[in-house]
Amino acid sequence: MPRWYVIQCKGGESFRAVEHLDNQGYELFHPVLEVQKKRRGKLTWVVEPLFPNYLFIRLDKLASNWRPIRSTRGVLKIVTFGLQSPVPVHDDLVEALRANAGPQDDSSANVYFRAGEAVEITSGPFKDLQAVFETHKGEDRAIVLLGMLHKQQHLEMPVSQLRRCD
């Protein structure tokens, strides 16, 4: 049965890895965000990976050909978490990311949370997932801890995408 696994890409080469793995016929998910960046003194919209240097690949442990993956341009390795064989990611997590990938509402909300407080993410690719609020980063941004890929991940997101858990 096919499962989702995580591929670590070489620095800044996740789009190249996606292109070459797609050409080889693999099923991939590379979540991206459209963000505003200052380029040459002007704000422009840029597409960036949601998880820099990582992407998801769907493979069958027995039927899929795993060998060409490591030698694909842009690929560094398949994430193994210290084990000899790769550890699959929960299908629910990838499906939730796929279902919620799309435009985000970045309207500012004047809401303040306390460190350690349980929050729910209300929009964006992590919609409906629970996290732990860590700190504010300016007025409109926050850093939260989200249990993912077998450990707590630090994520920066707009405060407007968070609400207190009931």
C-alpha atoms as a PDB file:
ATOM      1  CA  MET A   1       0.000   0.000   0.000  1.00  0.00           C
ATOM      2  CA  PRO A   2       1.512   3.379  -0.983  1.00  0.00           C
ATOM      3  CA  ARG A   3       2.438   5.764   1.854  1.00  0.00           C
ATOM      4  CA  TRP A   4       3.799   9.300   2.016  1.00  0.00           C
ATOM      5  CA  TYR A   5       7.475   9.804   2.847  1.00  0.00           C
ATOM      6  CA  VAL A   6       9.598  12.934   3.226  1.00  0.00           C
ATOM      7  CA  ILE A   7      12.487  13.817   0.932  1.00  0.00           C
ATOM      8  CA  GLN A   8      15.158  16.276   2.045  1.00  0.00           C
ATOM      9  CA  CYS A   9      16.365  18.388  -0.859  1.00  0.00           C
ATOM     10  CA  LYS A  10      19.650  20.166  -1.361  1.00  0.00           C
ATOM     11  CA  GLY A  11      19.563  23.811  -0.268  1.00  0.00           C
ATOM     12  CA  GLY A  12      17.270  25.847  -2.494  1.00  0.00           C
ATOM     13  CA  GLU A  13      16.732  22.990  -4.962  1.00  0.00           C
ATOM     14  CA  SER A  14      13.303  21.659  -3.971  1.00  0.00           C
ATOM     15  CA  PHE A  15      11.691  22.961  -7.177  1.00  0.00           C
ATOM     16  CA  ARG A  16      14.400  21.246  -9.240  1.00  0.00           C
ATOM     17  CA  ALA A  17      13.860  17.994  -7.313  1.00  0.00           C
ATOM     18  CA  VAL A  18      10.108  18.187  -7.937  1.00  0.00           C
ATOM     19  CA  GLU A  19      10.652  18.691 -11.656  1.00  0.00           C
ATOM     20  CA  HIS A  20      13.039  15.739 -12.002  1.00  0.00           C
ATOM     21  CA  LEU A  21      11.063  13.361  -9.759  1.00  0.00           C
ATOM     22  CA  ASP A  22       7.864  14.270 -11.618  1.00  0.00           C
ATOM     23  CA  ASN A  23       9.599  13.477 -14.920  1.00  0.00           C
ATOM     24  CA  GLN A  24      10.366  10.022 -13.479  1.00  0.00           C
ATOM     25  CA  GLY A  25       6.659   9.447 -12.740  1.00  0.00           C
ATOM     26  CA  TYR A  26       6.614   9.741  -8.931  1.00  0.00           C
ATOM     27  CA  GLU A  27       3.574  11.115  -7.099  1.00  0.00           C
ATOM     28  CA  LEU A  28       4.684  14.233  -5.216  1.00  0.00           C
ATOM     29  CA  PHE A  29       3.323  16.932  -2.961  1.00  0.00           C
ATOM     30  CA  HIS A  30       5.370  20.103  -2.612  1.00  0.00           C
ATOM     31  CA  PRO A  31       3.319  22.630  -0.624  1.00  0.00           C
ATOM     32  CA  VAL A  32       4.131  26.230  -1.502  1.00  0.00           C
ATOM     33  CA  LEU A  33       3.086  29.667  -0.295  1.00  0.00           C
ATOM     34  CA  GLU A  34       2.882  32.956  -2.125  1.00  0.00           C
ATOM     35  CA  VAL A  35       4.576  35.607   0.018  1.00  0.00           C
ATOM     36  CA  GLN A  36       5.565  39.208  -0.464  1.00  0.00           C
ATOM     37  CA  LYS A  37       9.295  39.898  -0.507  1.00  0.00           C
ATOM     38  CA  LYS A  38      11.219  43.080  -1.050  1.00  0.00           C
ATOM     39  CA  ARG A  39      13.232  42.767  -4.264  1.00  0.00           C
ATOM     40  CA  ARG A  40      15.251  45.709  -5.593  1.00  0.00           C
ATOM     41  CA  GLY A  41      13.339  48.067  -3.318  1.00  0.00           C
ATOM     42  CA  LYS A  42       9.890  46.875  -4.464  1.00  0.00           C
ATOM     43  CA  LEU A  43       7.436  44.447  -2.906  1.00  0.00           C
ATOM     44  CA  THR A  44       6.798  41.488  -5.203  1.00  0.00           C
ATOM     45  CA  TRP A  45       4.933  38.208  -4.778  1.00  0.00           C
ATOM     46  CA  VAL A  46       7.220  35.168  -4.642  1.00  0.00           C
ATOM     47  CA  VAL A  47       6.360  31.453  -4.487  1.00  0.00           C
ATOM     48  CA  GLU A  48       8.290  29.699  -1.704  1.00  0.00           C
ATOM     49  CA  PRO A  49       8.134  26.160  -0.290  1.00  0.00           C
ATOM     50  CA  LEU A  50       6.055  25.790   2.868  1.00  0.00           C
ATOM     51  CA  PHE A  51       8.771  23.463   4.204  1.00  0.00           C
ATOM     52  CA  PRO A  52      12.079  24.768   2.841  1.00  0.00           C
ATOM     53  CA  ASN A  53      14.224  21.906   1.502  1.00  0.00           C
ATOM     54  CA  TYR A  54      11.531  19.239   1.995  1.00  0.00           C
ATOM     55  CA  LEU A  55       8.809  17.622  -0.094  1.00  0.00           C
ATOM     56  CA  PHE A  56       6.503  14.618   0.151  1.00  0.00           C
ATOM     57  CA  ILE A  57       6.626  11.565  -2.115  1.00  0.00           C
ATOM     58  CA  ARG A  58       4.113   8.694  -2.276  1.00  0.00           C
ATOM     59  CA  LEU A  59       5.781   5.298  -2.529  1.00  0.00           C
ATOM     60  CA  ASP A  60       4.875   1.653  -2.101  1.00  0.00           C
ATOM     61  CA  LYS A  61       7.414  -0.171   0.066  1.00  0.00           C
ATOM     62  CA  LEU A  62       7.494  -3.160  -2.305  1.00  0.00           C
ATOM     63  CA  ALA A  63       6.271  -2.025  -5.733  1.00  0.00           C
ATOM     64  CA  SER A  64       7.967   1.384  -6.095  1.00  0.00           C
ATOM     65  CA  ASN A  65      11.476   1.803  -7.465  1.00  0.00           C
ATOM     66  CA  TRP A  66      13.337   3.657  -4.678  1.00  0.00           C
ATOM     67  CA  ARG A  67      16.834   3.526  -6.206  1.00  0.00           C
ATOM     68  CA  PRO A  68      16.701   6.476  -8.628  1.00  0.00           C
ATOM     69  CA  ILE A  69      15.437   8.877  -5.944  1.00  0.00           C
ATOM     70  CA  ARG A  70      18.800   9.430  -4.212  1.00  0.00           C
ATOM     71  CA  SER A  71      20.582  10.229  -7.470  1.00  0.00           C
ATOM     72  CA  THR A  72      17.895  12.615  -8.714  1.00  0.00           C
ATOM     73  CA  ARG A  73      19.030  16.231  -9.168  1.00  0.00           C
ATOM     74  CA  GLY A  74      18.109  18.343  -6.148  1.00  0.00           C
ATOM     75  CA  VAL A  75      17.496  15.372  -3.813  1.00  0.00           C
ATOM     76  CA  LEU A  76      19.720  14.950  -0.770  1.00  0.00           C
ATOM     77  CA  LYS A  77      18.086  11.925   0.911  1.00  0.00           C
ATOM     78  CA  ILE A  78      14.896  10.260   2.061  1.00  0.00           C
ATOM     79  CA  VAL A  79      14.274  11.173   5.713  1.00  0.00           C
ATOM     80  CA  THR A  80      14.813   8.157   7.989  1.00  0.00           C
ATOM     81  CA  PHE A  81      14.655   9.494  11.601  1.00  0.00           C
ATOM     82  CA  GLY A  82      17.732   7.478  12.576  1.00  0.00           C
ATOM     83  CA  LEU A  83      16.354   4.147  11.384  1.00  0.00           C
ATOM     84  CA  GLN A  84      17.640   2.078   8.499  1.00  0.00           C
ATOM     85  CA  SER A  85      14.385   2.411   6.565  1.00  0.00           C
ATOM     86  CA  PRO A  86      12.317   5.548   5.899  1.00  0.00           C
ATOM     87  CA  VAL A  87       9.438   6.286   8.252  1.00  0.00           C
ATOM     88  CA  PRO A  88       6.111   7.080   6.556  1.00  0.00           C
ATOM     89  CA  VAL A  89       4.226  10.284   7.343  1.00  0.00           C
ATOM     90  CA  HIS A  90       0.597   9.936   8.420  1.00  0.00           C
ATOM     91  CA  ASP A  91      -1.662  10.126   5.372  1.00  0.00           C
ATOM     92  CA  ASP A  92      -4.073  12.359   7.332  1.00  0.00           C
ATOM     93  CA  LEU A  93      -1.399  15.029   7.729  1.00  0.00           C
ATOM     94  CA  VAL A  94      -0.557  15.163   4.018  1.00  0.00           C
ATOM     95  CA  GLU A  95      -4.231  15.064   3.031  1.00  0.00           C
ATOM     96  CA  ALA A  96      -4.993  17.926   5.446  1.00  0.00           C
ATOM     97  CA  LEU A  97      -2.143  19.960   3.935  1.00  0.00           C
ATOM     98  CA  ARG A  98      -3.390  19.223   0.415  1.00  0.00           C
ATOM     99  CA  ALA A  99      -6.987  20.100   1.282  1.00  0.00           C
ATOM    100  CA  ASN A 100      -6.026  23.403   2.878  1.00  0.00           C
ATOM    101  CA  ALA A 101      -3.440  24.526   0.337  1.00  0.00           C
ATOM    102  CA  GLY A 102      -4.675  27.721  -1.238  1.00  0.00           C
ATOM    103  CA  PRO A 103      -5.039  31.430  -0.679  1.00  0.00           C
ATOM    104  CA  GLN A 104      -4.674  32.614   2.883  1.00  0.00           C
ATOM    105  CA  ASP A 105      -6.524  35.349   4.705  1.00  0.00           C
ATOM    106  CA  ASP A 106      -3.784  37.475   6.210  1.00  0.00           C
ATOM    107  CA  SER A 107      -5.995  40.149   7.745  1.00  0.00           C
ATOM    108  CA  SER A 108      -4.499  41.445  10.940  1.00  0.00           C
ATOM    109  CA  ALA A 109      -6.136  40.509  14.206  1.00  0.00           C
ATOM    110  CA  ASN A 110      -5.258  42.242  17.414  1.00  0.00           C
ATOM    111  CA  VAL A 111      -5.154  39.043  19.479  1.00  0.00           C
ATOM    112  CA  TYR A 112      -2.511  38.220  22.055  1.00  0.00           C
ATOM    113  CA  PHE A 113      -1.714  34.751  23.342  1.00  0.00           C
ATOM    114  CA  ARG A 114       0.439  33.525  26.228  1.00  0.00           C
ATOM    115  CA  ALA A 115       3.393  31.164  25.824  1.00  0.00           C
ATOM    116  CA  GLY A 116       2.325  27.547  26.314  1.00  0.00           C
ATOM    117  CA  GLU A 117      -1.326  28.252  25.436  1.00  0.00           C
ATOM    118  CA  ALA A 118      -3.078  25.713  23.178  1.00  0.00           C
ATOM    119  CA  VAL A 119      -4.202  27.268  19.884  1.00  0.00           C
ATOM    120  CA  GLU A 120      -5.998  26.054  16.790  1.00  0.00           C
ATOM    121  CA  ILE A 121      -4.926  27.089  13.309  1.00  0.00           C
ATOM    122  CA  THR A 122      -7.973  28.497  11.499  1.00  0.00           C
ATOM    123  CA  SER A 123      -6.764  28.883   7.905  1.00  0.00           C
ATOM    124  CA  GLY A 124      -3.945  28.062   5.555  1.00  0.00           C
ATOM    125  CA  PRO A 125      -2.304  24.695   4.937  1.00  0.00           C
ATOM    126  CA  PHE A 126      -2.408  23.688   8.640  1.00  0.00           C
ATOM    127  CA  LYS A 127      -6.111  24.490   9.091  1.00  0.00           C
ATOM    128  CA  ASP A 128      -7.851  22.654  11.982  1.00  0.00           C
ATOM    129  CA  LEU A 129      -4.575  21.426  13.520  1.00  0.00           C
ATOM    130  CA  GLN A 130      -3.761  22.208  17.144  1.00  0.00           C
ATOM    131  CA  ALA A 131      -0.464  23.764  18.187  1.00  0.00           C
ATOM    132  CA  VAL A 132       1.177  25.368  21.212  1.00  0.00           C
ATOM    133  CA  PHE A 133       1.736  29.110  21.120  1.00  0.00           C
ATOM    134  CA  GLU A 134       5.392  29.986  21.703  1.00  0.00           C
ATOM    135  CA  THR A 135       5.894  33.730  21.125  1.00  0.00           C
ATOM    136  CA  HIS A 136       4.809  36.815  19.196  1.00  0.00           C
ATOM    137  CA  LYS A 137       7.037  38.024  16.392  1.00  0.00           C
ATOM    138  CA  GLY A 138       6.024  41.611  15.921  1.00  0.00           C
ATOM    139  CA  GLU A 139       2.357  42.609  15.984  1.00  0.00           C
ATOM    140  CA  ASP A 140       1.014  40.417  13.195  1.00  0.00           C
ATOM    141  CA  ARG A 141       3.158  37.254  13.345  1.00  0.00           C
ATOM    142  CA  ALA A 142       3.503  34.411  15.835  1.00  0.00           C
ATOM    143  CA  ILE A 143       5.669  31.349  16.335  1.00  0.00           C
ATOM    144  CA  VAL A 144       3.881  28.137  17.302  1.00  0.00           C
ATOM    145  CA  LEU A 145       4.989  24.569  17.996  1.00  0.00           C
ATOM    146  CA  LEU A 146       3.232  21.972  15.863  1.00  0.00           C
ATOM    147  CA  GLY A 147       3.701  18.240  16.487  1.00  0.00           C
ATOM    148  CA  MET A 148       4.689  16.950  13.063  1.00  0.00           C
ATOM    149  CA  LEU A 149       7.192  14.508  11.572  1.00  0.00           C
ATOM    150  CA  HIS A 150       7.709  12.895  14.983  1.00  0.00           C
ATOM    151  CA  LYS A 151       8.824  16.067  16.776  1.00  0.00           C
ATOM    152  CA  GLN A 152       7.786  19.622  17.620  1.00  0.00           C
ATOM    153  CA  GLN A 153       8.266  21.949  14.632  1.00  0.00           C
ATOM    154  CA  HIS A 154       8.583  25.738  14.991  1.00  0.00           C
ATOM    155  CA  LEU A 155       6.271  27.484  12.524  1.00  0.00           C
ATOM    156  CA  GLU A 156       5.893  31.200  11.911  1.00  0.00           C
ATOM    157  CA  MET A 157       2.441  32.334  10.826  1.00  0.00           C
ATOM    158  CA  PRO A 158       0.066  35.287  10.984  1.00  0.00           C
ATOM    159  CA  VAL A 159      -1.634  35.777  14.352  1.00  0.00           C
ATOM    160  CA  SER A 160      -4.900  36.112  12.422  1.00  0.00           C
ATOM    161  CA  GLN A 161      -4.719  32.371  11.624  1.00  0.00           C
ATOM    162  CA  LEU A 162      -4.824  31.391  15.307  1.00  0.00           C
ATOM    163  CA  ARG A 163      -7.568  31.079  17.906  1.00  0.00           C
ATOM    164  CA  ARG A 164      -7.643  29.783  21.448  1.00  0.00           C
ATOM    165  CA  CYS A 165      -8.676  26.171  21.873  1.00  0.00           C
ATOM    166  CA  ASP A 166     -11.912  25.670  23.811  1.00  0.00           C
END
